[in-house]
C-alpha atoms as a PDB file:
ATOM      1  CA  MET A   1     200.964 150.532 129.773  1.00  0.00           C
ATOM      2  CA  ARG A   2     199.871 149.633 126.224  1.00  0.00           C
ATOM      3  CA  ILE A   3     201.309 152.943 124.913  1.00  0.00           C
ATOM      4  CA  ALA A   4     204.588 152.230 126.673  1.00  0.00           C
ATOM      5  CA  LEU A   5     204.730 148.733 125.138  1.00  0.00           C
ATOM      6  CA  ASP A   6     203.992 150.131 121.693  1.00  0.00           C
ATOM      7  CA  HIS A   7     206.787 152.665 122.083  1.00  0.00           C
ATOM      8  CA  LYS A   8     209.218 149.921 123.072  1.00  0.00           C
ATOM      9  CA  LEU A   9     208.297 147.876 120.027  1.00  0.00           C
ATOM     10  CA  LEU A  10     208.671 150.905 117.707  1.00  0.00           C
ATOM     11  CA  ALA A  11     212.090 151.548 119.139  1.00  0.00           C
ATOM     12  CA  SER A  12     213.317 147.949 119.011  1.00  0.00           C
ATOM     13  CA  ASP A  13     211.830 146.975 115.617  1.00  0.00           C
ATOM     14  CA  TRP A  14     211.981 150.223 113.651  1.00  0.00           C
ATOM     15  CA  GLY A  15     214.342 152.540 115.521  1.00  0.00           C
ATOM     16  CA  ILE A  16     211.560 155.082 116.119  1.00  0.00           C
ATOM     17  CA  HIS A  17     211.729 156.964 119.420  1.00  0.00           C
ATOM     18  CA  PHE A  18     208.612 158.949 120.283  1.00  0.00           C
ATOM     19  CA  MET A  19     207.737 160.641 123.547  1.00  0.00           C
ATOM     20  CA  LYS A  20     210.669 159.040 125.288  1.00  0.00           C
ATOM     21  CA  GLY A  21     209.383 159.713 128.780  1.00  0.00           C
ATOM     22  CA  LEU A  22     206.471 157.251 128.331  1.00  0.00           C
ATOM     23  CA  ALA A  23     208.897 154.436 127.578  1.00  0.00           C
ATOM     24  CA  GLN A  24     210.234 154.678 131.123  1.00  0.00           C
ATOM     25  CA  GLU A  25     206.995 153.023 132.285  1.00  0.00           C
ATOM     26  CA  ALA A  26     208.196 149.854 130.631  1.00  0.00           C
ATOM     27  CA  THR A  27     211.527 149.835 132.415  1.00  0.00           C
ATOM     28  CA  GLY A  28     212.464 146.269 133.189  1.00  0.00           C
ATOM     29  CA  LEU A  29     210.225 144.763 130.516  1.00  0.00           C
ATOM     30  CA  LYS A  30     212.079 142.587 128.011  1.00  0.00           C
ATOM     31  CA  PHE A  31     210.757 141.970 124.515  1.00  0.00           C
ATOM     32  CA  MET A  32     211.741 138.991 122.484  1.00  0.00           C
ATOM     33  CA  ASP A  33     212.723 139.252 118.852  1.00  0.00           C
ATOM     34  CA  HIS A  34     209.993 137.267 117.042  1.00  0.00           C
ATOM     35  CA  SER A  35     212.297 136.670 114.075  1.00  0.00           C
ATOM     36  CA  VAL A  36     214.517 134.276 116.028  1.00  0.00           C
ATOM     37  CA  ALA A  37     213.916 131.340 118.253  1.00  0.00           C
ATOM     38  CA  TRP A  38     213.066 132.127 121.810  1.00  0.00           C
ATOM     39  CA  ASP A  39     216.023 130.336 123.333  1.00  0.00           C
ATOM     40  CA  ALA A  40     219.144 131.450 125.295  1.00  0.00           C
ATOM     41  CA  GLN A  41     221.021 134.578 124.195  1.00  0.00           C
ATOM     42  CA  PRO A  42     224.193 133.459 122.311  1.00  0.00           C
ATOM     43  CA  GLY A  43     227.709 134.448 123.583  1.00  0.00           C
ATOM     44  CA  LEU A  44     229.819 137.267 122.027  1.00  0.00           C
ATOM     45  CA  VAL A  45     231.994 136.388 119.058  1.00  0.00           C
ATOM     46  CA  THR A  46     234.093 139.594 119.422  1.00  0.00           C
ATOM     47  CA  ALA A  47     236.043 140.828 122.441  1.00  0.00           C
ATOM     48  CA  ALA A  48     234.029 142.759 125.005  1.00  0.00           C
ATOM     49  CA  ASN A  49     234.535 146.485 124.572  1.00  0.00           C
ATOM     50  CA  ALA A  50     233.010 149.619 126.039  1.00  0.00           C
ATOM     51  CA  GLY A  51     235.231 152.294 124.430  1.00  0.00           C
ATOM     52  CA  VAL A  52     236.481 153.712 121.131  1.00  0.00           C
ATOM     53  CA  PRO A  53     240.028 154.043 119.740  1.00  0.00           C
ATOM     54  CA  SER A  54     241.776 157.089 121.201  1.00  0.00           C
ATOM     55  CA  LEU A  55     242.393 158.338 117.651  1.00  0.00           C
ATOM     56  CA  PHE A  56     238.731 159.372 117.429  1.00  0.00           C
ATOM     57  CA  THR A  57     238.906 161.403 120.650  1.00  0.00           C
ATOM     58  CA  THR A  58     242.273 163.133 119.945  1.00  0.00           C
ATOM     59  CA  PHE A  59     242.262 166.796 119.009  1.00  0.00           C
ATOM     60  CA  VAL A  60     245.044 168.003 116.680  1.00  0.00           C
ATOM     61  CA  ASP A  61     245.770 171.715 116.976  1.00  0.00           C
ATOM     62  CA  PRO A  62     246.369 173.005 113.421  1.00  0.00           C
ATOM     63  CA  LYS A  63     248.765 175.721 114.623  1.00  0.00           C
ATOM     64  CA  ILE A  64     252.404 174.707 114.137  1.00  0.00           C
ATOM     65  CA  ILE A  65     254.670 175.663 117.045  1.00  0.00           C
ATOM     66  CA  GLU A  66     258.097 176.506 115.666  1.00  0.00           C
ATOM     67  CA  VAL A  67     261.253 175.914 117.700  1.00  0.00           C
ATOM     68  CA  ALA A  68     262.835 179.247 118.605  1.00  0.00           C
ATOM     69  CA  VAL A  69     266.349 179.977 117.327  1.00  0.00           C
ATOM     70  CA  ALA A  70     268.773 182.771 118.179  1.00  0.00           C
ATOM     71  CA  PRO A  71     268.268 185.926 116.096  1.00  0.00           C
ATOM     72  CA  THR A  72     270.705 186.955 113.368  1.00  0.00           C
ATOM     73  CA  LYS A  73     271.752 190.537 114.090  1.00  0.00           C
ATOM     74  CA  ALA A  74     275.078 191.061 112.302  1.00  0.00           C
ATOM     75  CA  ALA A  75     273.471 192.764 109.284  1.00  0.00           C
ATOM     76  CA  GLU A  76     271.577 195.132 111.581  1.00  0.00           C
ATOM     77  CA  LEU A  77     274.754 196.060 113.454  1.00  0.00           C
ATOM     78  CA  TYR A  78     277.128 196.537 110.521  1.00  0.00           C
ATOM     79  CA  GLY A  79     274.659 197.458 107.789  1.00  0.00           C
ATOM     80  CA  GLU A  80     274.212 195.395 104.644  1.00  0.00           C
ATOM     81  CA  THR A  81     274.657 195.888 100.911  1.00  0.00           C
ATOM     82  CA  LYS A  82     275.016 193.957  97.652  1.00  0.00           C
ATOM     83  CA  LYS A  83     278.393 193.897  95.913  1.00  0.00           C
ATOM     84  CA  GLY A  84     278.856 192.336  92.480  1.00  0.00           C
ATOM     85  CA  THR A  85     277.195 189.117  91.328  1.00  0.00           C
ATOM     86  CA  TRP A  86     277.605 185.432  91.963  1.00  0.00           C
ATOM     87  CA  ILE A  87     280.156 185.104  89.159  1.00  0.00           C
ATOM     88  CA  ASP A  88     282.566 187.569  90.822  1.00  0.00           C
ATOM     89  CA  ASP A  89     285.426 186.054  92.824  1.00  0.00           C
ATOM     90  CA  THR A  90     287.216 189.236  93.859  1.00  0.00           C
ATOM     91  CA  ALA A  91     286.081 192.705  94.854  1.00  0.00           C
ATOM     92  CA  LEU A  92     288.486 195.598  94.336  1.00  0.00           C
ATOM     93  CA  PHE A  93     288.074 198.811  96.313  1.00  0.00           C
ATOM     94  CA  LEU A  94     289.607 202.191  95.564  1.00  0.00           C
ATOM     95  CA  MET A  95     291.113 204.010  98.524  1.00  0.00           C
ATOM     96  CA  ALA A  96     292.552 207.494  98.088  1.00  0.00           C
ATOM     97  CA  GLU A  97     294.683 209.334 100.620  1.00  0.00           C
ATOM     98  CA  ARG A  98     295.377 212.977  99.827  1.00  0.00           C
ATOM     99  CA  THR A  99     298.756 214.337 100.829  1.00  0.00           C
ATOM    100  CA  GLY A 100     300.555 217.638 100.576  1.00  0.00           C
ATOM    101  CA  GLU A 101     303.062 220.004 102.114  1.00  0.00           C
ATOM    102  CA  THR A 102     303.472 223.757 101.918  1.00  0.00           C
ATOM    103  CA  ALA A 103     306.447 226.102 101.813  1.00  0.00           C
ATOM    104  CA  SER A 104     307.056 229.802 102.203  1.00  0.00           C
ATOM    105  CA  TYR A 105     306.005 231.719  99.138  1.00  0.00           C
ATOM    106  CA  ASP A 106     308.599 233.039  96.724  1.00  0.00           C
ATOM    107  CA  ASP A 107     308.080 234.160  93.145  1.00  0.00           C
ATOM    108  CA  PHE A 108     310.832 231.878  91.954  1.00  0.00           C
ATOM    109  CA  SER A 109     310.333 228.914  94.303  1.00  0.00           C
ATOM    110  CA  GLN A 110     308.709 225.598  93.358  1.00  0.00           C
ATOM    111  CA  ASP A 111     308.710 224.257  96.902  1.00  0.00           C
ATOM    112  CA  GLY A 112     305.567 222.668  98.341  1.00  0.00           C
ATOM    113  CA  VAL A 113     303.944 219.689  96.649  1.00  0.00           C
ATOM    114  CA  SER A 114     300.481 218.161  96.921  1.00  0.00           C
ATOM    115  CA  ASN A 115     299.750 214.604  95.873  1.00  0.00           C
ATOM    116  CA  ALA A 116     297.481 211.612  96.420  1.00  0.00           C
ATOM    117  CA  ASN A 117     298.142 207.987  97.207  1.00  0.00           C
ATOM    118  CA  ILE A 118     295.869 205.241  95.889  1.00  0.00           C
ATOM    119  CA  ASN A 119     295.480 201.737  97.341  1.00  0.00           C
ATOM    120  CA  TYR A 120     293.462 198.840  95.948  1.00  0.00           C
ATOM    121  CA  PRO A 121     292.364 196.615  98.849  1.00  0.00           C
ATOM    122  CA  GLN A 122     290.626 193.405  97.837  1.00  0.00           C
ATOM    123  CA  ARG A 123     288.151 190.940  99.233  1.00  0.00           C
ATOM    124  CA  GLN A 124     287.274 187.445  98.045  1.00  0.00           C
ATOM    125  CA  SER A 125     283.768 186.043  97.799  1.00  0.00           C
ATOM    126  CA  TYR A 126     282.580 182.722  99.123  1.00  0.00           C
ATOM    127  CA  HIS A 127     279.514 180.872  97.881  1.00  0.00           C
ATOM    128  CA  TYR A 128     277.676 178.154  99.751  1.00  0.00           C
ATOM    129  CA  GLN A 129     274.581 176.053  99.252  1.00  0.00           C
ATOM    130  CA  THR A 130     272.007 173.733 100.739  1.00  0.00           C
ATOM    131  CA  ASN A 131     269.538 171.256  99.247  1.00  0.00           C
ATOM    132  CA  THR A 132     265.947 170.362 100.020  1.00  0.00           C
ATOM    133  CA  ARG A 133     264.192 167.106  99.111  1.00  0.00           C
ATOM    134  CA  TRP A 134     260.581 166.052  99.462  1.00  0.00           C
ATOM    135  CA  GLY A 135     258.787 162.916  98.309  1.00  0.00           C
ATOM    136  CA  GLU A 136     255.279 162.390  96.979  1.00  0.00           C
ATOM    137  CA  ARG A 137     254.223 159.933  99.676  1.00  0.00           C
ATOM    138  CA  GLN A 138     256.108 161.914 102.310  1.00  0.00           C
ATOM    139  CA  VAL A 139     254.155 165.056 101.466  1.00  0.00           C
ATOM    140  CA  GLU A 140     250.789 163.272 101.546  1.00  0.00           C
ATOM    141  CA  ARG A 141     251.528 161.533 104.832  1.00  0.00           C
ATOM    142  CA  ALA A 142     252.523 164.847 106.397  1.00  0.00           C
ATOM    143  CA  ALA A 143     249.395 166.481 104.982  1.00  0.00           C
ATOM    144  CA  ALA A 144     247.306 163.901 106.824  1.00  0.00           C
ATOM    145  CA  SER A 145     248.658 165.406 110.054  1.00  0.00           C
ATOM    146  CA  LYS A 146     248.076 168.967 108.814  1.00  0.00           C
ATOM    147  CA  ILE A 147     251.762 169.618 108.010  1.00  0.00           C
ATOM    148  CA  ASP A 148     252.821 171.311 104.775  1.00  0.00           C
ATOM    149  CA  TRP A 149     256.021 169.292 104.436  1.00  0.00           C
ATOM    150  CA  ALA A 150     257.382 170.905 101.264  1.00  0.00           C
ATOM    151  CA  ASN A 151     256.992 174.332 102.850  1.00  0.00           C
ATOM    152  CA  GLN A 152     258.650 173.229 106.089  1.00  0.00           C
ATOM    153  CA  VAL A 153     261.796 171.855 104.435  1.00  0.00           C
ATOM    154  CA  ASN A 154     262.086 174.940 102.234  1.00  0.00           C
ATOM    155  CA  MET A 155     261.800 177.241 105.231  1.00  0.00           C
ATOM    156  CA  GLY A 156     264.490 175.116 106.862  1.00  0.00           C
ATOM    157  CA  SER A 157     266.815 175.830 103.947  1.00  0.00           C
ATOM    158  CA  VAL A 158     266.179 179.577 104.247  1.00  0.00           C
ATOM    159  CA  LEU A 159     267.015 179.475 107.951  1.00  0.00           C
ATOM    160  CA  ALA A 160     270.192 177.439 107.360  1.00  0.00           C
ATOM    161  CA  LEU A 161     271.464 179.932 104.790  1.00  0.00           C
ATOM    162  CA  LYS A 162     270.555 182.921 106.938  1.00  0.00           C
ATOM    163  CA  LYS A 163     272.367 181.537 109.989  1.00  0.00           C
ATOM    164  CA  GLN A 164     275.457 180.785 107.898  1.00  0.00           C
ATOM    165  CA  GLU A 165     275.377 184.264 106.389  1.00  0.00           C
ATOM    166  CA  ASN A 166     275.223 185.799 109.876  1.00  0.00           C
ATOM    167  CA  TYR A 167     278.262 183.732 110.869  1.00  0.00           C
ATOM    168  CA  PHE A 168     280.292 184.995 107.902  1.00  0.00           C
ATOM    169  CA  TYR A 169     279.289 188.589 108.638  1.00  0.00           C
ATOM    170  CA  LEU A 170     280.729 188.190 112.129  1.00  0.00           C
ATOM    171  CA  TYR A 171     283.785 185.988 111.500  1.00  0.00           C
ATOM    172  CA  GLY A 172     284.476 185.899 107.756  1.00  0.00           C
ATOM    173  CA  VAL A 173     285.725 182.834 105.874  1.00  0.00           C
ATOM    174  CA  ALA A 174     288.955 181.147 106.942  1.00  0.00           C
ATOM    175  CA  GLY A 175     291.566 180.899 104.228  1.00  0.00           C
ATOM    176  CA  LEU A 176     290.152 183.749 102.135  1.00  0.00           C
ATOM    177  CA  GLN A 177     290.453 187.509 102.118  1.00  0.00           C
ATOM    178  CA  SER A 178     287.041 187.602 103.686  1.00  0.00           C
ATOM    179  CA  TYR A 179     286.783 188.879 107.237  1.00  0.00           C
ATOM    180  CA  GLY A 180     284.038 189.518 109.734  1.00  0.00           C
ATOM    181  CA  GLY A 181     283.166 192.545 111.773  1.00  0.00           C
ATOM    182  CA  THR A 182     284.834 191.022 114.841  1.00  0.00           C
ATOM    183  CA  ASN A 183     288.105 189.716 113.403  1.00  0.00           C
ATOM    184  CA  ASP A 184     289.188 191.964 110.531  1.00  0.00           C
ATOM    185  CA  PRO A 185     292.981 192.390 110.918  1.00  0.00           C
ATOM    186  CA  SER A 186     292.672 196.146 110.326  1.00  0.00           C
ATOM    187  CA  LEU A 187     290.550 196.683 113.451  1.00  0.00           C
ATOM    188  CA  PRO A 188     292.161 198.718 116.246  1.00  0.00           C
ATOM    189  CA  ALA A 189     293.109 196.748 119.337  1.00  0.00           C
ATOM    190  CA  PRO A 190     290.242 196.462 121.844  1.00  0.00           C
ATOM    191  CA  ILE A 191     290.452 198.144 125.220  1.00  0.00           C
ATOM    192  CA  ALA A 192     289.802 196.362 128.509  1.00  0.00           C
ATOM    193  CA  PRO A 193     286.931 197.154 130.873  1.00  0.00           C
ATOM    194  CA  THR A 194     287.464 198.165 134.463  1.00  0.00           C
ATOM    195  CA  SER A 195     285.795 194.904 135.446  1.00  0.00           C
ATOM    196  CA  SER A 196     283.115 192.555 134.213  1.00  0.00           C
ATOM    197  CA  TRP A 197     279.842 194.430 133.898  1.00  0.00           C
ATOM    198  CA  PHE A 198     277.993 191.546 135.509  1.00  0.00           C
ATOM    199  CA  GLY A 199     277.765 192.561 139.142  1.00  0.00           C
ATOM    200  CA  ALA A 200     279.481 195.911 138.544  1.00  0.00           C
ATOM    201  CA  SER A 201     278.040 199.189 139.792  1.00  0.00           C
ATOM    202  CA  ALA A 202     276.300 201.640 137.486  1.00  0.00           C
ATOM    203  CA  SER A 203     279.175 204.111 137.802  1.00  0.00           C
ATOM    204  CA  VAL A 204     281.703 201.488 136.667  1.00  0.00           C
ATOM    205  CA  ILE A 205     279.604 200.484 133.654  1.00  0.00           C
ATOM    206  CA  TYR A 206     278.931 204.066 132.603  1.00  0.00           C
ATOM    207  CA  GLY A 207     282.591 204.918 133.057  1.00  0.00           C
ATOM    208  CA  ASP A 208     283.609 202.035 130.748  1.00  0.00           C
ATOM    209  CA  VAL A 209     281.140 203.136 128.055  1.00  0.00           C
ATOM    210  CA  LEU A 210     282.470 206.680 128.370  1.00  0.00           C
ATOM    211  CA  ARG A 211     286.021 205.393 127.781  1.00  0.00           C
ATOM    212  CA  LEU A 212     284.776 203.486 124.735  1.00  0.00           C
ATOM    213  CA  VAL A 213     283.226 206.660 123.298  1.00  0.00           C
ATOM    214  CA  GLN A 214     286.408 208.593 124.020  1.00  0.00           C
ATOM    215  CA  GLN A 215     288.434 205.884 122.263  1.00  0.00           C
ATOM    216  CA  LEU A 216     286.235 206.181 119.155  1.00  0.00           C
ATOM    217  CA  ILE A 217     286.516 209.972 119.102  1.00  0.00           C
ATOM    218  CA  ALA A 218     290.303 209.763 119.483  1.00  0.00           C
ATOM    219  CA  GLN A 219     290.610 207.193 116.676  1.00  0.00           C
ATOM    220  CA  TYR A 220     288.654 209.465 114.341  1.00  0.00           C
ATOM    221  CA  ASN A 221     290.922 212.368 115.280  1.00  0.00           C
ATOM    222  CA  GLY A 222     288.038 214.645 116.183  1.00  0.00           C
ATOM    223  CA  LEU A 223     285.933 214.090 113.064  1.00  0.00           C
ATOM    224  CA  ILE A 224     283.103 212.946 115.355  1.00  0.00           C
ATOM    225  CA  ASP A 225     281.862 214.035 118.757  1.00  0.00           C
ATOM    226  CA  VAL A 226     279.419 212.816 121.399  1.00  0.00           C
ATOM    227  CA  GLU A 227     276.448 213.891 119.286  1.00  0.00           C
ATOM    228  CA  HIS A 228     277.527 211.898 116.239  1.00  0.00           C
ATOM    229  CA  PRO A 229     275.327 208.867 115.391  1.00  0.00           C
ATOM    230  CA  MET A 230     276.873 205.675 116.736  1.00  0.00           C
ATOM    231  CA  THR A 231     275.682 202.107 117.220  1.00  0.00           C
ATOM    232  CA  MET A 232     276.678 199.840 120.072  1.00  0.00           C
ATOM    233  CA  GLY A 233     276.736 196.080 119.585  1.00  0.00           C
ATOM    234  CA  ILE A 234     276.267 194.233 122.866  1.00  0.00           C
ATOM    235  CA  SER A 235     274.982 190.845 123.967  1.00  0.00           C
ATOM    236  CA  PRO A 236     271.356 190.637 125.201  1.00  0.00           C
ATOM    237  CA  GLY A 237     272.476 189.558 128.669  1.00  0.00           C
ATOM    238  CA  ASN A 238     275.067 192.290 128.997  1.00  0.00           C
ATOM    239  CA  LYS A 239     272.604 194.962 127.981  1.00  0.00           C
ATOM    240  CA  THR A 240     270.521 194.171 131.057  1.00  0.00           C
ATOM    241  CA  ASN A 241     273.382 195.613 133.105  1.00  0.00           C
ATOM    242  CA  PHE A 242     272.371 199.029 131.768  1.00  0.00           C
ATOM    243  CA  ASN A 243     269.424 198.789 134.162  1.00  0.00           C
ATOM    244  CA  ASN A 244     271.781 199.147 137.127  1.00  0.00           C
ATOM    245  CA  THR A 245     271.174 202.415 138.989  1.00  0.00           C
ATOM    246  CA  ASN A 246     273.554 204.839 140.662  1.00  0.00           C
ATOM    247  CA  LEU A 247     273.240 206.598 144.023  1.00  0.00           C
ATOM    248  CA  TYR A 248     270.643 208.939 142.536  1.00  0.00           C
ATOM    249  CA  ASN A 249     268.507 206.037 141.268  1.00  0.00           C
ATOM    250  CA  VAL A 250     269.348 206.829 137.634  1.00  0.00           C
ATOM    251  CA  ASN A 251     270.161 203.790 135.529  1.00  0.00           C
ATOM    252  CA  VAL A 252     272.994 203.479 133.028  1.00  0.00           C
ATOM    253  CA  MET A 253     270.703 203.523 129.992  1.00  0.00           C
ATOM    254  CA  THR A 254     269.186 206.858 130.996  1.00  0.00           C
ATOM    255  CA  GLN A 255     272.646 208.360 131.435  1.00  0.00           C
ATOM    256  CA  LEU A 256     273.768 207.075 128.033  1.00  0.00           C
ATOM    257  CA  LEU A 257     270.741 208.398 126.159  1.00  0.00           C
ATOM    258  CA  THR A 258     271.048 211.753 127.932  1.00  0.00           C
ATOM    259  CA  ASN A 259     274.723 212.250 127.162  1.00  0.00           C
ATOM    260  CA  PHE A 260     274.867 210.467 123.794  1.00  0.00           C
ATOM    261  CA  PRO A 261     271.477 211.248 122.238  1.00  0.00           C
ATOM    262  CA  ASN A 262     272.229 209.564 118.901  1.00  0.00           C
ATOM    263  CA  MET A 263     273.511 206.282 120.280  1.00  0.00           C
ATOM    264  CA  LYS A 264     271.622 203.144 119.201  1.00  0.00           C
ATOM    265  CA  PHE A 265     271.898 199.621 120.559  1.00  0.00           C
ATOM    266  CA  VAL A 266     271.809 196.286 118.728  1.00  0.00           C
ATOM    267  CA  THR A 267     271.867 193.068 120.735  1.00  0.00           C
ATOM    268  CA  VAL A 268     274.055 190.359 119.212  1.00  0.00           C
ATOM    269  CA  PRO A 269     273.875 186.928 120.924  1.00  0.00           C
ATOM    270  CA  GLU A 270     277.345 185.965 119.630  1.00  0.00           C
ATOM    271  CA  PHE A 271     278.922 188.823 121.610  1.00  0.00           C
ATOM    272  CA  ALA A 272     278.402 186.726 124.734  1.00  0.00           C
ATOM    273  CA  ILE A 273     281.641 184.843 124.110  1.00  0.00           C
ATOM    274  CA  ASN A 274     281.907 181.561 125.993  1.00  0.00           C
ATOM    275  CA  GLY A 275     278.683 182.352 127.814  1.00  0.00           C
ATOM    276  CA  GLY A 276     279.695 185.871 128.758  1.00  0.00           C
ATOM    277  CA  GLY A 277     278.989 186.861 132.330  1.00  0.00           C
ATOM    278  CA  ASN A 278     276.800 183.815 132.898  1.00  0.00           C
ATOM    279  CA  VAL A 279     279.703 181.381 133.406  1.00  0.00           C
ATOM    280  CA  ALA A 280     283.055 181.465 135.128  1.00  0.00           C
ATOM    281  CA  ALA A 281     285.776 183.103 133.020  1.00  0.00           C
ATOM    282  CA  GLY A 282     283.138 184.157 130.481  1.00  0.00           C
ATOM    283  CA  LEU A 283     283.903 187.074 128.231  1.00  0.00           C
ATOM    284  CA  GLU A 284     281.821 189.757 126.563  1.00  0.00           C
ATOM    285  CA  LEU A 285     282.530 191.768 123.425  1.00  0.00           C
ATOM    286  CA  VAL A 286     281.178 195.298 123.015  1.00  0.00           C
ATOM    287  CA  GLN A 287     281.619 197.262 119.796  1.00  0.00           C
ATOM    288  CA  LEU A 288     280.892 200.921 119.190  1.00  0.00           C
ATOM    289  CA  ILE A 289     280.549 201.840 115.510  1.00  0.00           C
ATOM    290  CA  ALA A 290     280.468 205.398 114.216  1.00  0.00           C
ATOM    291  CA  GLY A 291     277.793 206.347 111.722  1.00  0.00           C
ATOM    292  CA  PRO A 292     278.664 207.733 108.275  1.00  0.00           C
ATOM    293  CA  VAL A 293     281.358 210.404 108.259  1.00  0.00           C
ATOM    294  CA  GLU A 294     281.438 212.749 105.261  1.00  0.00           C
ATOM    295  CA  GLY A 295     279.050 210.408 103.464  1.00  0.00           C
ATOM    296  CA  GLN A 296     281.191 207.300 103.952  1.00  0.00           C
ATOM    297  CA  ASN A 297     279.911 204.357 106.001  1.00  0.00           C
ATOM    298  CA  THR A 298     282.286 202.826 108.518  1.00  0.00           C
ATOM    299  CA  CYS A 299     281.503 199.279 107.428  1.00  0.00           C
ATOM    300  CA  GLU A 300     278.983 197.117 105.598  1.00  0.00           C
ATOM    301  CA  SER A 301     278.210 193.443 105.503  1.00  0.00           C
ATOM    302  CA  ALA A 302     278.126 192.500 101.841  1.00  0.00           C
ATOM    303  CA  PHE A 303     276.666 189.683  99.752  1.00  0.00           C
ATOM    304  CA  THR A 304     276.796 188.683  96.103  1.00  0.00           C
ATOM    305  CA  GLU A 305     273.491 186.801  96.198  1.00  0.00           C
ATOM    306  CA  LYS A 306     271.007 187.071  99.026  1.00  0.00           C
ATOM    307  CA  MET A 307     269.067 184.042  97.842  1.00  0.00           C
ATOM    308  CA  ARG A 308     269.332 182.128  94.604  1.00  0.00           C
ATOM    309  CA  SER A 309     266.707 179.401  94.217  1.00  0.00           C
ATOM    310  CA  HIS A 310     267.849 177.005  91.556  1.00  0.00           C
ATOM    311  CA  ALA A 311     265.636 174.846  89.359  1.00  0.00           C
ATOM    312  CA  ILE A 312     263.396 172.240  90.984  1.00  0.00           C
ATOM    313  CA  VAL A 313     264.475 168.807  89.762  1.00  0.00           C
ATOM    314  CA  ALA A 314     261.601 166.344  89.361  1.00  0.00           C
ATOM    315  CA  LYS A 315     262.379 162.669  89.994  1.00  0.00           C
ATOM    316  CA  THR A 316     259.985 159.755  89.601  1.00  0.00           C
ATOM    317  CA  THR A 317     258.238 160.313  92.934  1.00  0.00           C
ATOM    318  CA  SER A 318     260.231 163.123  94.539  1.00  0.00           C
ATOM    319  CA  TRP A 319     261.622 166.605  93.982  1.00  0.00           C
ATOM    320  CA  GLU A 320     264.901 168.334  94.842  1.00  0.00           C
ATOM    321  CA  GLN A 321     265.979 171.959  94.869  1.00  0.00           C
ATOM    322  CA  LYS A 322     269.248 173.725  95.592  1.00  0.00           C
ATOM    323  CA  LYS A 323     269.512 177.176  97.149  1.00  0.00           C
ATOM    324  CA  SER A 324     272.702 179.211  97.374  1.00  0.00           C
ATOM    325  CA  GLN A 325     274.128 182.467  98.681  1.00  0.00           C
ATOM    326  CA  GLY A 326     277.368 184.380  98.362  1.00  0.00           C
ATOM    327  CA  THR A 327     279.203 186.629 100.811  1.00  0.00           C
ATOM    328  CA  TRP A 328     282.133 189.013 101.071  1.00  0.00           C
ATOM    329  CA  GLY A 329     282.001 188.968 104.875  1.00  0.00           C
ATOM    330  CA  THR A 330     281.941 192.404 106.470  1.00  0.00           C
ATOM    331  CA  ILE A 331     283.864 195.100 104.609  1.00  0.00           C
ATOM    332  CA  ILE A 332     285.354 197.676 106.956  1.00  0.00           C
ATOM    333  CA  TYR A 333     286.035 200.853 105.001  1.00  0.00           C
ATOM    334  CA  ARG A 334     287.321 202.871 107.939  1.00  0.00           C
ATOM    335  CA  PRO A 335     288.659 200.772 110.812  1.00  0.00           C
ATOM    336  CA  VAL A 336     289.076 203.911 112.947  1.00  0.00           C
ATOM    337  CA  GLY A 337     285.284 204.061 113.063  1.00  0.00           C
ATOM    338  CA  ILE A 338     285.066 200.994 115.311  1.00  0.00           C
ATOM    339  CA  ALA A 339     286.076 200.874 118.976  1.00  0.00           C
ATOM    340  CA  SER A 340     285.910 197.559 120.811  1.00  0.00           C
ATOM    341  CA  MET A 341     285.960 196.487 124.443  1.00  0.00           C
ATOM    342  CA  TYR A 342     286.770 192.891 125.245  1.00  0.00           C
ATOM    343  CA  GLY A 343     285.944 191.265 128.573  1.00  0.00           C
ATOM    344  CA  ALA A 344     283.084 193.466 129.748  1.00  0.00           C
END
């Protein structure tokens, strides 16, 4: 018992805990503090509490979960290139059409003439911008919660420009000679599907794709055939219809890759017009684009500046920066190289 009492005194007076099990023998014993009067225990001055602030028991995961946004696929579908610089307002293209006629030969005849016709189609550029701002206190407060605020706002500006660029590649710029891959006035008229591909049989879907290929071959007047490289632009939802199988349990995709071995597919969310097949009266756009013919691409999305980061402006306790881009829209060199189907 004496050892147990000594252990209790060591613990209460000096904070020394030794051979804790022995102290259990003194359970229930109460020792008085000899430095104070041995009278009644005084009441609490502070509020009674048996917990800690939740802040000290909250775990903050350092991984930042980014909100998902729709992909930008126009450049992948149409191809992409740089044309000019950000000081250029107009792009001039040289288009040559060779002509000629023959006549029966005669030593003294000058009949039969060959010639060429030159056109100079033009496109206009459009430049756009966005600004980012971050403050000194704002950055430090965000850092306290493990957020790199300056990096986040700058990544936001990159995304904003990229989404806008994708829009111009698809639809061009209103009021300018800048068109997109879906609305260039030189594009051949789209053909109509047999029916909506949502809920259609595999034979109907394959038959519509076959008509689209035939339309492209006819537009190119035989310069391409079924083995020529071609890229199909289709919405992600509509592409799932290629999983439909026929009576022989062969799906549409297998048939396409068997019969058109050089056909590629690019899913473009914007081709689900008005929700596509997911809503009543929805529409779908499908485009089939021929690969290069005689070294000439069918089309290219073009930019003057992919990303121009301007000078960072330092204020008293904040910073600002402008970023800009420039676009020509999508330049279609040979409209006959694109066949479209609207309403699939």
